[in-house]
C-alpha atoms as a PDB file:
ATOM      1  CA  MET A   1       0.000   0.000   0.000  1.00  0.00           C
ATOM      2  CA  ILE A   2       1.316   3.435  -0.918  1.00  0.00           C
ATOM      3  CA  LEU A   3       0.511   6.192   1.554  1.00  0.00           C
ATOM      4  CA  PRO A   4      -0.261   9.713   0.326  1.00  0.00           C
ATOM      5  CA  TYR A   5       2.408  11.111   2.668  1.00  0.00           C
ATOM      6  CA  GLN A   6       6.085  11.824   2.185  1.00  0.00           C
ATOM      7  CA  PHE A   7       8.594  11.786   5.009  1.00  0.00           C
ATOM      8  CA  GLU A   8      11.682  13.924   5.068  1.00  0.00           C
ATOM      9  CA  THR A   9      14.539  14.249   7.498  1.00  0.00           C
ATOM     10  CA  THR A  10      14.759  17.412   9.549  1.00  0.00           C
ATOM     11  CA  ASN A  11      16.612  18.867  12.491  1.00  0.00           C
ATOM     12  CA  ASP A  12      13.401  20.292  13.950  1.00  0.00           C
ATOM     13  CA  LEU A  13      11.980  18.895  17.164  1.00  0.00           C
ATOM     14  CA  LEU A  14       9.115  16.515  16.506  1.00  0.00           C
ATOM     15  CA  ALA A  15       5.807  16.874  18.263  1.00  0.00           C
ATOM     16  CA  SER A  16       4.614  14.198  20.644  1.00  0.00           C
ATOM     17  CA  ARG A  17       1.827  13.317  18.192  1.00  0.00           C
ATOM     18  CA  ALA A  18       4.131  12.490  15.277  1.00  0.00           C
ATOM     19  CA  GLY A  19       3.634   8.735  15.672  1.00  0.00           C
ATOM     20  CA  LEU A  20      -0.159   8.974  15.458  1.00  0.00           C
ATOM     21  CA  LEU A  21      -0.046   8.999  11.664  1.00  0.00           C
ATOM     22  CA  SER A  22       0.956   5.335  11.480  1.00  0.00           C
ATOM     23  CA  ILE A  23      -1.673   4.363  14.082  1.00  0.00           C
ATOM     24  CA  ALA A  24      -4.379   6.258  12.170  1.00  0.00           C
ATOM     25  CA  GLU A  25      -3.445   4.528   8.905  1.00  0.00           C
ATOM     26  CA  LEU A  26      -3.537   1.136  10.630  1.00  0.00           C
ATOM     27  CA  MET A  27      -6.994   1.883  12.031  1.00  0.00           C
ATOM     28  CA  ASN A  28      -8.214   2.941   8.572  1.00  0.00           C
ATOM     29  CA  SER A  29      -6.825  -0.160   6.887  1.00  0.00           C
ATOM     30  CA  LEU A  30      -8.509  -2.429   9.458  1.00  0.00           C
ATOM     31  CA  GLY A  31     -11.842  -0.600   9.188  1.00  0.00           C
ATOM     32  CA  LEU A  32     -11.777  -0.093  12.928  1.00  0.00           C
ATOM     33  CA  SER A  33     -13.949   3.029  12.957  1.00  0.00           C
ATOM     34  CA  ASP A  34     -16.774   1.200  11.155  1.00  0.00           C
ATOM     35  CA  HIS A  35     -16.548  -1.674  13.610  1.00  0.00           C
ATOM     36  CA  ILE A  36     -16.611   0.694  16.601  1.00  0.00           C
ATOM     37  CA  ASP A  37     -19.598   2.572  15.147  1.00  0.00           C
ATOM     38  CA  SER A  38     -21.510  -0.697  14.775  1.00  0.00           C
ATOM     39  CA  CYS A  39     -20.778  -1.805  18.361  1.00  0.00           C
ATOM     40  CA  PHE A  40     -21.612   1.420  20.189  1.00  0.00           C
ATOM     41  CA  PRO A  41     -24.854   3.386  19.979  1.00  0.00           C
ATOM     42  CA  GLN A  42     -24.925   6.855  18.479  1.00  0.00           C
ATOM     43  CA  PRO A  43     -24.641   9.622  21.071  1.00  0.00           C
ATOM     44  CA  GLY A  44     -27.885  11.261  21.997  1.00  0.00           C
ATOM     45  CA  SER A  45     -29.112  14.136  24.053  1.00  0.00           C
ATOM     46  CA  ASN A  46     -29.298  13.675  27.817  1.00  0.00           C
ATOM     47  CA  ARG A  47     -32.270  16.045  28.053  1.00  0.00           C
ATOM     48  CA  ILE A  48     -35.674  14.697  28.904  1.00  0.00           C
END
């Protein structure tokens, strides 16, 4: 699979969220969000 991202080397400090890209792509490839949506109910209002 070819990702639509390009990585380059840099001397800049990386943010703490830099590794989330690979986790997000893994979740997308597994269809995890669809599975989670089917297992949990949609959020609703807590007003009566």
